[in-house]
Amino acid sequence: MTIISINSALSMRIIKVASCPSNSGKATLTYHVGCTADNEIHFRVVMNTGGGLFSPEWLALNAIQPALAKAPAPLTSYPLVSLLQGKSTNTPSFLMAALKNEGLVRSLEGKVRGYELIDSAAFMGAVNALIASGVDIKVPDIPADYKTSVALKKVTKPSKSVQSMAATQSTTQIATQAA
């Protein structure tokens, strides 16, 4: 089995697995929060119950925050595009949904795609507690043939590695919530 090479040089400890609605509310996204040996925080989207494809690459929070901070208001996911290696136009908006779920941005009232940055202290406190606890959630590697949309998997039976990944994520999500 071939493993996706995006961010392959990163050694990541997964400290949280969570799910949130997509920005449209039509799908549920699953994402990981990870940290490097230097405790640098990263995000990646790993599953989508809808039809949109995405790149499951890691993106550093210390790259996300300045990109959003210098972007014109109201914020959109567009500033994240240049930070990503993948070609999917969905990845930035899916990451924005994860950031919203983690309390790093919030929707502007009356705006479908408009956001604003909010204080990251609560998020950083929770993440630092996870790092200090030593949590290291084990998930299967993402195979190169991994289809990043559950909708595509309805046509053919998912590989055993994808089935294992989904089962592990469900189990680890419960473990993370309990931590």
N, C-alpha and C. Protein backbone atom coordinates (compact mmCIF):
# COMPACT_ATOMS: atom_id res chain seq x y z
N MET A 1 0.84 -1.18 0.00
CA MET A 1 0.00 0.00 0.00
C MET A 1 0.89 1.25 0.00
N THR A 2 0.56 2.22 -0.85
CA THR A 2 1.30 3.47 -0.94
C THR A 2 0.66 4.50 -0.03
N ILE A 3 1.47 5.28 0.64
CA ILE A 3 0.97 6.29 1.56
C ILE A 3 1.10 7.67 0.93
N ILE A 4 0.12 8.54 1.15
CA ILE A 4 0.16 9.90 0.62
C ILE A 4 1.41 10.60 1.13
N SER A 5 2.11 11.28 0.22
CA SER A 5 3.37 11.90 0.59
C SER A 5 3.22 13.34 1.06
N ILE A 6 2.02 13.90 0.99
CA ILE A 6 1.83 15.28 1.43
C ILE A 6 2.23 15.38 2.90
N ASN A 7 3.11 16.31 3.20
CA ASN A 7 3.62 16.54 4.55
C ASN A 7 4.29 15.31 5.14
N SER A 8 4.84 14.43 4.32
CA SER A 8 5.40 13.19 4.84
C SER A 8 6.59 13.41 5.76
N ALA A 9 7.24 14.56 5.65
CA ALA A 9 8.39 14.83 6.51
C ALA A 9 7.96 15.18 7.94
N LEU A 10 6.68 15.50 8.12
CA LEU A 10 6.20 15.86 9.44
C LEU A 10 5.96 14.62 10.29
N SER A 11 6.46 14.65 11.49
CA SER A 11 6.15 13.61 12.45
C SER A 11 5.09 14.22 13.37
N MET A 12 3.88 13.72 13.27
CA MET A 12 2.76 14.35 13.94
C MET A 12 2.17 13.44 15.01
N ARG A 13 1.95 14.00 16.18
CA ARG A 13 1.22 13.30 17.26
C ARG A 13 -0.20 13.84 17.21
N ILE A 14 -1.16 12.97 16.99
CA ILE A 14 -2.56 13.40 16.91
C ILE A 14 -3.09 13.50 18.33
N ILE A 15 -3.55 14.70 18.68
CA ILE A 15 -4.02 14.94 20.04
C ILE A 15 -5.53 15.08 20.12
N LYS A 16 -6.18 15.19 18.97
CA LYS A 16 -7.64 15.30 18.98
C LYS A 16 -8.19 14.87 17.63
N VAL A 17 -9.30 14.14 17.66
CA VAL A 17 -10.09 13.79 16.49
C VAL A 17 -11.48 14.33 16.77
N ALA A 18 -12.00 15.13 15.86
CA ALA A 18 -13.31 15.74 16.08
C ALA A 18 -14.09 15.81 14.78
N SER A 19 -15.38 16.05 14.90
CA SER A 19 -16.26 16.21 13.74
C SER A 19 -17.03 17.50 13.88
N CYS A 20 -17.40 18.05 12.72
CA CYS A 20 -18.19 19.28 12.69
C CYS A 20 -18.97 19.33 11.39
N PRO A 21 -20.01 20.16 11.35
CA PRO A 21 -20.71 20.32 10.08
C PRO A 21 -19.85 21.12 9.10
N SER A 22 -20.03 20.85 7.82
CA SER A 22 -19.39 21.69 6.81
C SER A 22 -20.03 23.07 6.89
N ASN A 23 -19.44 24.06 6.24
CA ASN A 23 -20.00 25.41 6.30
C ASN A 23 -21.40 25.48 5.71
N SER A 24 -21.70 24.62 4.74
CA SER A 24 -23.03 24.59 4.15
C SER A 24 -24.02 23.85 5.03
N GLY A 25 -23.50 23.04 5.95
CA GLY A 25 -24.36 22.23 6.81
C GLY A 25 -24.87 20.97 6.13
N LYS A 26 -24.41 20.69 4.92
CA LYS A 26 -24.89 19.54 4.17
C LYS A 26 -24.09 18.26 4.43
N ALA A 27 -22.97 18.39 5.10
CA ALA A 27 -22.11 17.23 5.34
C ALA A 27 -21.46 17.36 6.71
N THR A 28 -20.90 16.25 7.17
CA THR A 28 -20.12 16.25 8.40
C THR A 28 -18.67 15.99 8.05
N LEU A 29 -17.80 16.80 8.61
CA LEU A 29 -16.36 16.68 8.38
C LEU A 29 -15.71 16.10 9.62
N THR A 30 -14.71 15.27 9.43
CA THR A 30 -13.88 14.78 10.53
C THR A 30 -12.49 15.34 10.31
N TYR A 31 -11.89 15.83 11.40
CA TYR A 31 -10.56 16.43 11.28
C TYR A 31 -9.70 16.02 12.46
N HIS A 32 -8.40 16.17 12.26
CA HIS A 32 -7.42 15.89 13.31
C HIS A 32 -6.75 17.19 13.73
N VAL A 33 -6.44 17.28 15.01
CA VAL A 33 -5.55 18.32 15.52
C VAL A 33 -4.32 17.56 15.98
N GLY A 34 -3.17 17.99 15.49
CA GLY A 34 -1.93 17.30 15.82
C GLY A 34 -0.87 18.28 16.28
N CYS A 35 0.21 17.74 16.81
CA CYS A 35 1.33 18.59 17.19
C CYS A 35 2.63 17.89 16.84
N THR A 36 3.61 18.71 16.52
CA THR A 36 4.95 18.20 16.21
C THR A 36 5.70 18.02 17.54
N ALA A 37 6.93 17.54 17.44
CA ALA A 37 7.77 17.38 18.63
C ALA A 37 8.03 18.73 19.31
N ASP A 38 7.96 19.82 18.53
CA ASP A 38 8.14 21.18 19.07
C ASP A 38 6.82 21.79 19.54
N ASN A 39 5.76 20.98 19.62
CA ASN A 39 4.42 21.41 20.04
C ASN A 39 3.80 22.44 19.11
N GLU A 40 4.16 22.39 17.84
CA GLU A 40 3.53 23.23 16.83
C GLU A 40 2.21 22.57 16.44
N ILE A 41 1.13 23.32 16.53
CA ILE A 41 -0.22 22.79 16.30
C ILE A 41 -0.55 22.78 14.81
N HIS A 42 -1.14 21.68 14.35
CA HIS A 42 -1.56 21.53 12.95
C HIS A 42 -2.99 20.99 12.89
N PHE A 43 -3.64 21.26 11.77
CA PHE A 43 -4.98 20.74 11.47
C PHE A 43 -4.93 19.99 10.15
N ARG A 44 -5.80 18.98 10.01
CA ARG A 44 -6.05 18.36 8.72
C ARG A 44 -7.45 17.77 8.72
N VAL A 45 -8.09 17.83 7.57
CA VAL A 45 -9.40 17.21 7.37
C VAL A 45 -9.14 15.80 6.86
N VAL A 46 -9.88 14.82 7.40
CA VAL A 46 -9.65 13.44 7.01
C VAL A 46 -10.89 12.73 6.48
N MET A 47 -12.07 13.32 6.65
CA MET A 47 -13.26 12.65 6.17
C MET A 47 -14.36 13.67 5.91
N ASN A 48 -15.17 13.39 4.90
CA ASN A 48 -16.30 14.22 4.53
C ASN A 48 -17.44 13.29 4.14
N THR A 49 -18.60 13.45 4.77
CA THR A 49 -19.74 12.60 4.44
C THR A 49 -20.44 13.06 3.17
N GLY A 50 -20.09 14.23 2.67
CA GLY A 50 -20.70 14.76 1.45
C GLY A 50 -19.88 14.41 0.22
N GLY A 51 -20.15 15.12 -0.86
CA GLY A 51 -19.53 14.82 -2.14
C GLY A 51 -18.25 15.58 -2.44
N GLY A 52 -17.86 16.52 -1.59
CA GLY A 52 -16.70 17.36 -1.89
C GLY A 52 -15.38 16.69 -1.59
N LEU A 53 -14.48 16.70 -2.56
CA LEU A 53 -13.14 16.17 -2.37
C LEU A 53 -12.29 17.19 -1.63
N PHE A 54 -11.21 16.71 -1.01
CA PHE A 54 -10.30 17.59 -0.27
C PHE A 54 -8.94 16.93 -0.18
N SER A 55 -7.96 17.69 0.25
CA SER A 55 -6.62 17.17 0.46
C SER A 55 -6.41 16.97 1.96
N PRO A 56 -6.01 15.78 2.39
CA PRO A 56 -5.83 15.52 3.83
C PRO A 56 -4.46 15.94 4.36
N GLU A 57 -3.97 17.09 3.90
CA GLU A 57 -2.65 17.54 4.33
C GLU A 57 -2.74 18.33 5.63
N TRP A 58 -1.63 18.34 6.35
CA TRP A 58 -1.52 19.09 7.59
C TRP A 58 -1.26 20.57 7.28
N LEU A 59 -1.86 21.46 8.07
CA LEU A 59 -1.63 22.89 7.95
C LEU A 59 -1.38 23.46 9.34
N ALA A 60 -0.26 24.16 9.50
CA ALA A 60 0.16 24.68 10.80
C ALA A 60 -0.70 25.86 11.24
N LEU A 61 -1.11 25.84 12.50
CA LEU A 61 -1.88 26.94 13.06
C LEU A 61 -1.07 28.23 13.02
N ASN A 62 0.26 28.13 13.19
CA ASN A 62 1.08 29.34 13.17
C ASN A 62 1.24 29.91 11.76
N ALA A 63 0.74 29.23 10.75
CA ALA A 63 0.64 29.78 9.39
C ALA A 63 -0.78 30.29 9.14
N ILE A 64 -1.76 29.59 9.69
CA ILE A 64 -3.17 29.95 9.50
C ILE A 64 -3.48 31.31 10.13
N GLN A 65 -3.12 31.47 11.39
CA GLN A 65 -3.51 32.68 12.12
C GLN A 65 -2.99 33.98 11.49
N PRO A 66 -1.70 34.07 11.12
CA PRO A 66 -1.25 35.32 10.48
C PRO A 66 -1.90 35.56 9.12
N ALA A 67 -2.14 34.48 8.36
CA ALA A 67 -2.79 34.63 7.05
C ALA A 67 -4.19 35.21 7.21
N LEU A 68 -4.92 34.72 8.21
CA LEU A 68 -6.26 35.24 8.45
C LEU A 68 -6.22 36.64 9.06
N ALA A 69 -5.24 36.91 9.92
CA ALA A 69 -5.14 38.21 10.58
C ALA A 69 -4.88 39.34 9.60
N LYS A 70 -4.12 39.08 8.54
CA LYS A 70 -3.81 40.15 7.59
C LYS A 70 -4.80 40.21 6.42
N ALA A 71 -5.77 39.31 6.38
CA ALA A 71 -6.77 39.29 5.31
C ALA A 71 -7.83 40.37 5.56
N PRO A 72 -8.41 40.89 4.49
CA PRO A 72 -9.47 41.89 4.67
C PRO A 72 -10.73 41.26 5.28
N ALA A 73 -11.48 42.08 5.98
CA ALA A 73 -12.74 41.61 6.58
C ALA A 73 -13.86 41.77 5.56
N PRO A 74 -14.87 40.95 5.60
CA PRO A 74 -14.99 39.77 6.44
C PRO A 74 -14.08 38.65 5.94
N LEU A 75 -13.62 37.83 6.86
CA LEU A 75 -12.74 36.72 6.51
C LEU A 75 -13.48 35.67 5.71
N THR A 76 -12.77 35.06 4.78
CA THR A 76 -13.24 33.88 4.07
C THR A 76 -12.12 32.85 4.16
N SER A 77 -12.31 31.72 3.55
CA SER A 77 -11.25 30.70 3.55
C SER A 77 -10.18 30.98 2.50
N TYR A 78 -10.37 31.98 1.68
CA TYR A 78 -9.42 32.27 0.59
C TYR A 78 -7.97 32.44 1.06
N PRO A 79 -7.68 33.12 2.17
CA PRO A 79 -6.27 33.25 2.58
C PRO A 79 -5.57 31.91 2.86
N LEU A 80 -6.32 30.84 3.05
CA LEU A 80 -5.71 29.53 3.32
C LEU A 80 -5.25 28.84 2.04
N VAL A 81 -5.77 29.26 0.89
CA VAL A 81 -5.45 28.61 -0.38
C VAL A 81 -3.95 28.56 -0.63
N SER A 82 -3.27 29.68 -0.44
CA SER A 82 -1.83 29.73 -0.74
C SER A 82 -0.99 28.93 0.26
N LEU A 83 -1.56 28.53 1.38
CA LEU A 83 -0.83 27.77 2.39
C LEU A 83 -0.85 26.27 2.12
N LEU A 84 -1.72 25.83 1.23
CA LEU A 84 -1.94 24.41 0.98
C LEU A 84 -1.23 23.95 -0.28
N GLN A 85 -0.74 22.71 -0.25
CA GLN A 85 -0.08 22.11 -1.40
C GLN A 85 -1.08 21.48 -2.36
N GLY A 86 -2.17 20.96 -1.81
CA GLY A 86 -3.17 20.25 -2.60
C GLY A 86 -3.93 21.19 -3.53
N LYS A 87 -4.62 20.61 -4.47
CA LYS A 87 -5.33 21.39 -5.48
C LYS A 87 -6.82 21.54 -5.20
N SER A 88 -7.34 20.89 -4.19
CA SER A 88 -8.78 20.94 -3.94
C SER A 88 -9.21 22.32 -3.46
N THR A 89 -10.27 22.82 -4.07
CA THR A 89 -10.82 24.11 -3.64
C THR A 89 -11.66 23.97 -2.38
N ASN A 90 -11.99 22.74 -1.99
CA ASN A 90 -12.79 22.52 -0.79
C ASN A 90 -11.96 22.55 0.49
N THR A 91 -10.70 22.18 0.40
CA THR A 91 -9.87 22.04 1.60
C THR A 91 -9.85 23.31 2.45
N PRO A 92 -9.64 24.50 1.89
CA PRO A 92 -9.63 25.70 2.74
C PRO A 92 -10.96 25.93 3.48
N SER A 93 -12.08 25.73 2.80
CA SER A 93 -13.36 25.96 3.48
C SER A 93 -13.65 24.87 4.52
N PHE A 94 -13.20 23.65 4.25
CA PHE A 94 -13.37 22.58 5.24
C PHE A 94 -12.51 22.88 6.48
N LEU A 95 -11.29 23.38 6.26
CA LEU A 95 -10.44 23.76 7.39
C LEU A 95 -11.07 24.92 8.17
N MET A 96 -11.70 25.85 7.46
CA MET A 96 -12.36 26.97 8.13
C MET A 96 -13.49 26.46 9.02
N ALA A 97 -14.21 25.44 8.57
CA ALA A 97 -15.26 24.84 9.39
C ALA A 97 -14.67 24.23 10.66
N ALA A 98 -13.51 23.59 10.54
CA ALA A 98 -12.83 23.02 11.71
C ALA A 98 -12.38 24.12 12.66
N LEU A 99 -11.83 25.21 12.11
CA LEU A 99 -11.41 26.35 12.95
C LEU A 99 -12.61 26.95 13.68
N LYS A 100 -13.73 27.01 13.00
CA LYS A 100 -14.96 27.52 13.63
C LYS A 100 -15.39 26.58 14.75
N ASN A 101 -15.33 25.29 14.50
CA ASN A 101 -15.71 24.31 15.51
C ASN A 101 -14.81 24.39 16.74
N GLU A 102 -13.54 24.74 16.53
CA GLU A 102 -12.59 24.84 17.64
C GLU A 102 -12.63 26.21 18.33
N GLY A 103 -13.47 27.11 17.85
CA GLY A 103 -13.60 28.42 18.49
C GLY A 103 -12.51 29.41 18.13
N LEU A 104 -11.86 29.22 16.98
CA LEU A 104 -10.82 30.14 16.54
C LEU A 104 -11.35 31.24 15.63
N VAL A 105 -12.46 30.96 14.95
CA VAL A 105 -13.19 31.96 14.15
C VAL A 105 -14.67 31.78 14.45
N ARG A 106 -15.45 32.81 14.13
CA ARG A 106 -16.90 32.68 14.24
C ARG A 106 -17.54 33.32 13.03
N SER A 107 -18.73 32.84 12.72
CA SER A 107 -19.49 33.38 11.59
C SER A 107 -19.98 34.77 11.94
N LEU A 108 -19.95 35.64 10.96
CA LEU A 108 -20.54 36.96 11.14
C LEU A 108 -22.04 36.85 10.94
N GLU A 109 -22.77 37.53 11.75
CA GLU A 109 -24.23 37.48 11.67
C GLU A 109 -24.68 37.95 10.30
N GLY A 110 -25.54 37.16 9.67
CA GLY A 110 -26.07 37.51 8.37
C GLY A 110 -25.16 37.20 7.20
N LYS A 111 -23.99 36.63 7.46
CA LYS A 111 -23.04 36.31 6.38
C LYS A 111 -22.92 34.79 6.26
N VAL A 112 -23.10 34.29 5.05
CA VAL A 112 -22.97 32.86 4.83
C VAL A 112 -21.51 32.44 4.86
N ARG A 113 -20.63 33.25 4.27
CA ARG A 113 -19.21 32.89 4.19
C ARG A 113 -18.30 33.90 4.88
N GLY A 114 -18.83 34.73 5.71
CA GLY A 114 -18.02 35.73 6.39
C GLY A 114 -17.71 35.33 7.82
N TYR A 115 -16.45 35.48 8.21
CA TYR A 115 -16.00 35.09 9.54
C TYR A 115 -15.16 36.20 10.16
N GLU A 116 -14.93 36.07 11.45
CA GLU A 116 -13.98 36.94 12.13
C GLU A 116 -13.16 36.09 13.08
N LEU A 117 -11.91 36.50 13.27
CA LEU A 117 -11.04 35.83 14.24
C LEU A 117 -11.53 36.14 15.64
N ILE A 118 -11.40 35.17 16.51
CA ILE A 118 -11.71 35.41 17.92
C ILE A 118 -10.52 34.95 18.76
N ASP A 119 -10.52 35.36 20.00
CA ASP A 119 -9.41 35.06 20.91
C ASP A 119 -9.16 33.55 20.97
N SER A 120 -7.92 33.17 20.80
CA SER A 120 -7.56 31.75 20.77
C SER A 120 -7.19 31.19 22.14
N ALA A 121 -7.33 31.97 23.20
CA ALA A 121 -6.86 31.53 24.52
C ALA A 121 -7.54 30.24 24.99
N ALA A 122 -8.85 30.13 24.81
CA ALA A 122 -9.56 28.92 25.25
C ALA A 122 -9.08 27.70 24.47
N PHE A 123 -8.94 27.85 23.15
CA PHE A 123 -8.46 26.75 22.33
C PHE A 123 -7.05 26.35 22.75
N MET A 124 -6.16 27.33 22.89
CA MET A 124 -4.78 27.04 23.25
C MET A 124 -4.69 26.39 24.63
N GLY A 125 -5.53 26.81 25.56
CA GLY A 125 -5.55 26.18 26.88
C GLY A 125 -5.93 24.71 26.79
N ALA A 126 -6.96 24.41 25.99
CA ALA A 126 -7.40 23.02 25.82
C ALA A 126 -6.34 22.19 25.11
N VAL A 127 -5.73 22.75 24.07
CA VAL A 127 -4.70 22.04 23.32
C VAL A 127 -3.45 21.81 24.18
N ASN A 128 -3.06 22.82 24.92
CA ASN A 128 -1.89 22.65 25.80
C ASN A 128 -2.14 21.59 26.85
N ALA A 129 -3.38 21.48 27.34
CA ALA A 129 -3.71 20.43 28.30
C ALA A 129 -3.61 19.05 27.64
N LEU A 130 -4.06 18.93 26.38
CA LEU A 130 -3.95 17.66 25.66
C LEU A 130 -2.48 17.30 25.44
N ILE A 131 -1.68 18.29 25.07
CA ILE A 131 -0.24 18.04 24.86
C ILE A 131 0.40 17.58 26.16
N ALA A 132 0.12 18.28 27.24
CA ALA A 132 0.71 17.95 28.54
C ALA A 132 0.27 16.57 29.03
N SER A 133 -0.95 16.16 28.66
CA SER A 133 -1.45 14.85 29.10
C SER A 133 -0.74 13.69 28.40
N GLY A 134 -0.05 14.00 27.29
CA GLY A 134 0.65 12.95 26.56
C GLY A 134 -0.23 12.18 25.60
N VAL A 135 -1.47 12.62 25.40
CA VAL A 135 -2.37 11.91 24.49
C VAL A 135 -1.71 11.78 23.12
N ASP A 136 -1.83 10.60 22.54
CA ASP A 136 -1.26 10.30 21.23
C ASP A 136 -2.21 9.32 20.55
N ILE A 137 -3.19 9.86 19.84
CA ILE A 137 -4.22 9.04 19.21
C ILE A 137 -3.64 8.38 17.97
N LYS A 138 -3.74 7.08 17.92
CA LYS A 138 -3.22 6.34 16.78
C LYS A 138 -4.33 6.16 15.75
N VAL A 139 -4.03 6.58 14.53
CA VAL A 139 -4.95 6.40 13.41
C VAL A 139 -4.18 5.74 12.28
N PRO A 140 -4.87 5.01 11.43
CA PRO A 140 -4.17 4.38 10.30
C PRO A 140 -3.61 5.44 9.35
N ASP A 141 -2.52 5.08 8.67
CA ASP A 141 -1.99 5.95 7.63
C ASP A 141 -3.04 6.11 6.54
N ILE A 142 -2.98 7.22 5.83
CA ILE A 142 -3.92 7.45 4.75
C ILE A 142 -3.32 6.90 3.46
N PRO A 143 -3.95 5.88 2.86
CA PRO A 143 -3.40 5.30 1.64
C PRO A 143 -3.54 6.26 0.45
N ALA A 144 -2.68 6.10 -0.55
CA ALA A 144 -2.69 6.97 -1.72
C ALA A 144 -4.00 6.86 -2.50
N ASP A 145 -4.66 5.70 -2.43
CA ASP A 145 -5.92 5.54 -3.17
C ASP A 145 -7.14 5.96 -2.35
N TYR A 146 -6.90 6.59 -1.22
CA TYR A 146 -7.98 7.02 -0.33
C TYR A 146 -8.83 8.07 -1.03
N LYS A 147 -10.11 7.80 -1.15
CA LYS A 147 -11.04 8.76 -1.73
C LYS A 147 -11.53 9.65 -0.60
N THR A 148 -11.35 10.94 -0.76
CA THR A 148 -11.61 11.86 0.34
C THR A 148 -13.06 12.28 0.45
N SER A 149 -13.95 11.59 -0.20
CA SER A 149 -15.38 11.86 -0.08
C SER A 149 -16.11 10.55 0.14
N VAL A 150 -16.89 10.48 1.19
CA VAL A 150 -17.66 9.27 1.46
C VAL A 150 -18.62 9.01 0.31
N ALA A 151 -19.11 10.07 -0.33
CA ALA A 151 -20.05 9.91 -1.44
C ALA A 151 -19.43 9.08 -2.56
N LEU A 152 -18.13 9.21 -2.81
CA LEU A 152 -17.47 8.42 -3.84
C LEU A 152 -17.36 6.97 -3.44
N LYS A 153 -17.30 6.71 -2.16
CA LYS A 153 -17.14 5.34 -1.67
C LYS A 153 -18.43 4.54 -1.80
N LYS A 154 -19.55 5.20 -2.03
CA LYS A 154 -20.82 4.49 -2.17
C LYS A 154 -20.84 3.65 -3.45
N VAL A 155 -20.07 4.06 -4.45
CA VAL A 155 -20.04 3.37 -5.73
C VAL A 155 -19.29 2.05 -5.60
N THR A 156 -18.18 2.05 -4.89
CA THR A 156 -17.39 0.84 -4.69
C THR A 156 -17.16 0.64 -3.20
N LYS A 157 -16.91 -0.58 -2.85
CA LYS A 157 -16.66 -0.89 -1.44
C LYS A 157 -15.34 -0.27 -1.01
N PRO A 158 -15.33 0.46 0.13
CA PRO A 158 -14.08 1.06 0.61
C PRO A 158 -13.06 -0.02 0.96
N SER A 159 -11.79 0.32 0.80
CA SER A 159 -10.73 -0.61 1.16
C SER A 159 -10.77 -0.87 2.66
N LYS A 160 -10.16 -1.96 3.09
CA LYS A 160 -10.13 -2.29 4.50
C LYS A 160 -9.41 -1.23 5.31
N SER A 161 -8.40 -0.58 4.73
CA SER A 161 -7.68 0.47 5.46
C SER A 161 -8.57 1.66 5.71
N VAL A 162 -9.44 2.00 4.76
CA VAL A 162 -10.36 3.12 4.94
C VAL A 162 -11.42 2.76 5.99
N GLN A 163 -11.94 1.53 5.93
CA GLN A 163 -12.90 1.08 6.93
C GLN A 163 -12.27 1.11 8.32
N SER A 164 -11.03 0.65 8.42
CA SER A 164 -10.31 0.66 9.69
C SER A 164 -10.11 2.09 10.18
N MET A 165 -9.78 3.01 9.26
CA MET A 165 -9.58 4.42 9.61
C MET A 165 -10.85 5.01 10.19
N ALA A 166 -11.99 4.76 9.55
CA ALA A 166 -13.26 5.30 10.02
C ALA A 166 -13.62 4.73 11.39
N ALA A 167 -13.41 3.43 11.60
CA ALA A 167 -13.70 2.81 12.89
C ALA A 167 -12.79 3.35 13.97
N THR A 168 -11.51 3.51 13.66
CA THR A 168 -10.56 4.04 14.63
C THR A 168 -10.90 5.47 14.99
N GLN A 169 -11.29 6.28 14.00
CA GLN A 169 -11.62 7.68 14.27
C GLN A 169 -12.84 7.77 15.18
N SER A 170 -13.84 6.93 14.96
CA SER A 170 -15.02 6.96 15.82
C SER A 170 -14.64 6.62 17.26
N THR A 171 -13.80 5.61 17.43
CA THR A 171 -13.36 5.20 18.76
C THR A 171 -12.49 6.27 19.41
N THR A 172 -11.55 6.84 18.65
CA THR A 172 -10.65 7.84 19.24
C THR A 172 -11.35 9.16 19.52
N GLN A 173 -12.39 9.45 18.75
CA GLN A 173 -13.15 10.66 19.01
C GLN A 173 -13.78 10.57 20.40
N ILE A 174 -14.33 9.43 20.72
CA ILE A 174 -14.93 9.23 22.03
C ILE A 174 -13.87 9.34 23.12
N ALA A 175 -12.69 8.75 22.87
CA ALA A 175 -11.60 8.80 23.85
C ALA A 175 -11.13 10.24 24.06
N THR A 176 -11.05 11.02 22.97
CA THR A 176 -10.61 12.41 23.09
C THR A 176 -11.62 13.23 23.86
N GLN A 177 -12.90 12.99 23.62
CA GLN A 177 -13.93 13.74 24.33
C GLN A 177 -13.90 13.43 25.82
N ALA A 178 -13.50 12.23 26.16
CA ALA A 178 -13.45 11.84 27.57
C ALA A 178 -12.23 12.43 28.27
N ALA A 179 -11.18 12.74 27.48
CA ALA A 179 -9.92 13.23 28.07
C ALA A 179 -10.02 14.64 28.60
